[in-house]
Amino acid sequence: MTDCIFCKIVEGSLPAEKVYEDEDVLAFRDIHAQAPVHILIIPKKHIPSVRDIGEEEGPLLGRIFSVINRLADELGVADKGFRIVNNCGDEGGQTVYHIHFHLLGGRSLSWPPVETVL
């Protein structure tokens, strides 16, 4: 996708503070961090959202969650706890349509994350 910011990070035309990279997965620091540890984990393959995941992406998702666990250990948040977030669609808060997971930790995280308005 030529207009996808995360695809541009994958191809190297936009900078990012990378913390992990392999042939399928890239992880980098969120520039709008909401916690002391706030990492974005993305597949290098462009997948717009979780609504576009099929059974064939099972191994890729397993790889992503393996990377999340590795990073939680390396960044010192595994033992105390952390949050993994995926936003899907406009009302779900998705702003970049390239599937990504937020790894948040390093502070106590409340629930709900913002005040509930019904």
C-alpha atoms as a PDB file:
ATOM      1  CA  MET A   1       0.000   0.000   0.000  1.00  0.00           C
ATOM      2  CA  THR A   2       1.668   3.199  -1.144  1.00  0.00           C
ATOM      3  CA  ASP A   3      -0.221   5.443   1.290  1.00  0.00           C
ATOM      4  CA  CYS A   4       0.079   3.233   4.404  1.00  0.00           C
ATOM      5  CA  ILE A   5       2.348   4.790   7.044  1.00  0.00           C
ATOM      6  CA  PHE A   6       3.266   1.383   8.499  1.00  0.00           C
ATOM      7  CA  CYS A   7       4.127  -0.022   5.062  1.00  0.00           C
ATOM      8  CA  LYS A   8       6.423   2.988   4.606  1.00  0.00           C
ATOM      9  CA  ILE A   9       8.101   2.167   7.929  1.00  0.00           C
ATOM     10  CA  VAL A  10       8.517  -1.471   6.816  1.00  0.00           C
ATOM     11  CA  GLU A  11      10.103  -0.421   3.508  1.00  0.00           C
ATOM     12  CA  GLY A  12      12.367   2.093   5.265  1.00  0.00           C
ATOM     13  CA  SER A  13      11.052   5.285   3.673  1.00  0.00           C
ATOM     14  CA  LEU A  14       9.791   6.551   7.063  1.00  0.00           C
ATOM     15  CA  PRO A  15      11.887   6.368  10.228  1.00  0.00           C
ATOM     16  CA  ALA A  16      10.931   4.454  13.367  1.00  0.00           C
ATOM     17  CA  GLU A  17      12.717   3.491  16.559  1.00  0.00           C
ATOM     18  CA  LYS A  18      12.784  -0.242  15.918  1.00  0.00           C
ATOM     19  CA  VAL A  19      13.047  -2.626  18.858  1.00  0.00           C
ATOM     20  CA  TYR A  20      12.589  -5.893  16.942  1.00  0.00           C
ATOM     21  CA  GLU A  21      12.592  -7.073  13.341  1.00  0.00           C
ATOM     22  CA  ASP A  22      12.515 -10.392  11.541  1.00  0.00           C
ATOM     23  CA  GLU A  23      11.344 -11.496   8.092  1.00  0.00           C
ATOM     24  CA  ASP A  24       7.638 -11.238   9.014  1.00  0.00           C
ATOM     25  CA  VAL A  25       7.277  -8.893  12.001  1.00  0.00           C
ATOM     26  CA  LEU A  26       8.423  -5.400  12.932  1.00  0.00           C
ATOM     27  CA  ALA A  27       8.140  -3.745  16.358  1.00  0.00           C
ATOM     28  CA  PHE A  28       8.871  -0.101  17.092  1.00  0.00           C
ATOM     29  CA  ARG A  29       8.226   2.542  19.740  1.00  0.00           C
ATOM     30  CA  ASP A  30       4.943   4.451  19.481  1.00  0.00           C
ATOM     31  CA  ILE A  31       5.623   8.167  18.928  1.00  0.00           C
ATOM     32  CA  HIS A  32       2.522   8.974  21.019  1.00  0.00           C
ATOM     33  CA  ALA A  33       3.387   6.730  23.959  1.00  0.00           C
ATOM     34  CA  GLN A  34       0.639   6.191  26.536  1.00  0.00           C
ATOM     35  CA  ALA A  35       2.840   4.289  28.993  1.00  0.00           C
ATOM     36  CA  PRO A  36       6.563   4.012  29.781  1.00  0.00           C
ATOM     37  CA  VAL A  37       6.596   0.956  27.496  1.00  0.00           C
ATOM     38  CA  HIS A  38       4.483   1.464  24.374  1.00  0.00           C
ATOM     39  CA  ILE A  39       5.514  -0.644  21.418  1.00  0.00           C
ATOM     40  CA  LEU A  40       3.664  -1.234  18.148  1.00  0.00           C
ATOM     41  CA  ILE A  41       3.968  -4.726  16.716  1.00  0.00           C
ATOM     42  CA  ILE A  42       2.994  -5.145  13.062  1.00  0.00           C
ATOM     43  CA  PRO A  43       3.189  -7.782  10.375  1.00  0.00           C
ATOM     44  CA  LYS A  44       5.309  -6.705   7.435  1.00  0.00           C
ATOM     45  CA  LYS A  45       2.523  -7.988   5.200  1.00  0.00           C
ATOM     46  CA  HIS A  46      -0.187  -5.359   4.736  1.00  0.00           C
ATOM     47  CA  ILE A  47      -3.383  -6.542   6.409  1.00  0.00           C
ATOM     48  CA  PRO A  48      -5.856  -3.673   6.950  1.00  0.00           C
ATOM     49  CA  SER A  49      -7.547  -4.929  10.145  1.00  0.00           C
ATOM     50  CA  VAL A  50      -8.547  -8.000  12.128  1.00  0.00           C
ATOM     51  CA  ARG A  51     -11.606  -8.156   9.874  1.00  0.00           C
ATOM     52  CA  ASP A  52      -9.224  -9.155   7.075  1.00  0.00           C
ATOM     53  CA  ILE A  53      -7.610 -12.083   8.892  1.00  0.00           C
ATOM     54  CA  GLY A  54      -8.323 -15.562   7.664  1.00  0.00           C
ATOM     55  CA  GLU A  55      -7.185 -18.968   8.845  1.00  0.00           C
ATOM     56  CA  GLU A  56      -4.123 -18.688   6.621  1.00  0.00           C
ATOM     57  CA  GLU A  57      -2.787 -15.889   8.866  1.00  0.00           C
ATOM     58  CA  GLY A  58      -2.770 -18.187  11.919  1.00  0.00           C
ATOM     59  CA  PRO A  59       0.999 -18.794  11.831  1.00  0.00           C
ATOM     60  CA  LEU A  60       1.673 -15.068  11.388  1.00  0.00           C
ATOM     61  CA  LEU A  61      -0.511 -14.187  14.391  1.00  0.00           C
ATOM     62  CA  GLY A  62       1.265 -16.837  16.442  1.00  0.00           C
ATOM     63  CA  ARG A  63       4.570 -15.250  15.462  1.00  0.00           C
ATOM     64  CA  ILE A  64       3.314 -11.778  16.438  1.00  0.00           C
ATOM     65  CA  PHE A  65       2.255 -12.967  19.895  1.00  0.00           C
ATOM     66  CA  SER A  66       5.557 -14.761  20.342  1.00  0.00           C
ATOM     67  CA  VAL A  67       7.315 -11.460  19.608  1.00  0.00           C
ATOM     68  CA  ILE A  68       5.014  -9.665  22.078  1.00  0.00           C
ATOM     69  CA  ASN A  69       6.008 -12.122  24.817  1.00  0.00           C
ATOM     70  CA  ARG A  70       9.681 -11.773  23.969  1.00  0.00           C
ATOM     71  CA  LEU A  71       9.462  -7.969  24.089  1.00  0.00           C
ATOM     72  CA  ALA A  72       7.510  -8.015  27.375  1.00  0.00           C
ATOM     73  CA  ASP A  73      10.377 -10.035  28.874  1.00  0.00           C
ATOM     74  CA  GLU A  74      13.127  -7.893  27.345  1.00  0.00           C
ATOM     75  CA  LEU A  75      11.472  -4.610  28.332  1.00  0.00           C
ATOM     76  CA  GLY A  76      10.835  -5.728  31.912  1.00  0.00           C
ATOM     77  CA  VAL A  77       7.035  -5.695  31.967  1.00  0.00           C
ATOM     78  CA  ALA A  78       6.274  -9.427  31.796  1.00  0.00           C
ATOM     79  CA  ASP A  79       6.300 -10.119  35.533  1.00  0.00           C
ATOM     80  CA  LYS A  80       4.207  -7.150  36.710  1.00  0.00           C
ATOM     81  CA  GLY A  81       1.782  -7.244  33.789  1.00  0.00           C
ATOM     82  CA  PHE A  82       1.085  -5.487  30.526  1.00  0.00           C
ATOM     83  CA  ARG A  83      -1.730  -4.808  28.093  1.00  0.00           C
ATOM     84  CA  ILE A  84      -2.083  -5.774  24.437  1.00  0.00           C
ATOM     85  CA  VAL A  85      -4.480  -3.607  22.419  1.00  0.00           C
ATOM     86  CA  ASN A  86      -5.832  -3.910  18.903  1.00  0.00           C
ATOM     87  CA  ASN A  87      -8.267  -1.323  17.578  1.00  0.00           C
ATOM     88  CA  CYS A  88     -10.599  -2.363  14.765  1.00  0.00           C
ATOM     89  CA  GLY A  89     -12.567   0.086  12.637  1.00  0.00           C
ATOM     90  CA  ASP A  90     -13.384   3.743  13.109  1.00  0.00           C
ATOM     91  CA  GLU A  91     -15.536   3.342  16.215  1.00  0.00           C
ATOM     92  CA  GLY A  92     -12.990   0.907  17.622  1.00  0.00           C
ATOM     93  CA  GLY A  93     -10.367   3.653  17.478  1.00  0.00           C
ATOM     94  CA  GLN A  94      -8.337   2.362  14.535  1.00  0.00           C
ATOM     95  CA  THR A  95      -6.482   5.232  12.870  1.00  0.00           C
ATOM     96  CA  VAL A  96      -3.929   3.313  10.782  1.00  0.00           C
ATOM     97  CA  TYR A  97      -5.417   0.611   8.574  1.00  0.00           C
ATOM     98  CA  HIS A  98      -2.535  -1.830   8.835  1.00  0.00           C
ATOM     99  CA  ILE A  99      -3.184  -4.341  11.606  1.00  0.00           C
ATOM    100  CA  HIS A 100      -1.084  -3.597  14.657  1.00  0.00           C
ATOM    101  CA  PHE A 101      -0.921  -4.460  18.314  1.00  0.00           C
ATOM    102  CA  HIS A 102       0.018  -2.061  21.100  1.00  0.00           C
ATOM    103  CA  LEU A 103       2.147  -3.467  23.920  1.00  0.00           C
ATOM    104  CA  LEU A 104       1.662  -1.199  26.944  1.00  0.00           C
ATOM    105  CA  GLY A 105       3.324  -1.532  30.323  1.00  0.00           C
ATOM    106  CA  GLY A 106       5.551  -0.006  32.928  1.00  0.00           C
ATOM    107  CA  ARG A 107       2.712   1.543  34.939  1.00  0.00           C
ATOM    108  CA  SER A 108      -0.590   0.506  36.447  1.00  0.00           C
ATOM    109  CA  LEU A 109      -3.227   0.464  33.706  1.00  0.00           C
ATOM    110  CA  SER A 110      -6.855   1.122  34.635  1.00  0.00           C
ATOM    111  CA  TRP A 111     -10.031  -0.270  33.106  1.00  0.00           C
ATOM    112  CA  PRO A 112     -11.858   1.077  31.295  1.00  0.00           C
ATOM    113  CA  PRO A 113      -8.980   2.995  29.694  1.00  0.00           C
ATOM    114  CA  VAL A 114     -11.148   6.154  29.482  1.00  0.00           C
ATOM    115  CA  GLU A 115     -14.350   7.247  31.146  1.00  0.00           C
ATOM    116  CA  THR A 116     -17.342   5.267  29.922  1.00  0.00           C
ATOM    117  CA  VAL A 117     -20.131   7.283  28.280  1.00  0.00           C
ATOM    118  CA  LEU A 118     -23.310   5.361  27.529  1.00  0.00           C
END
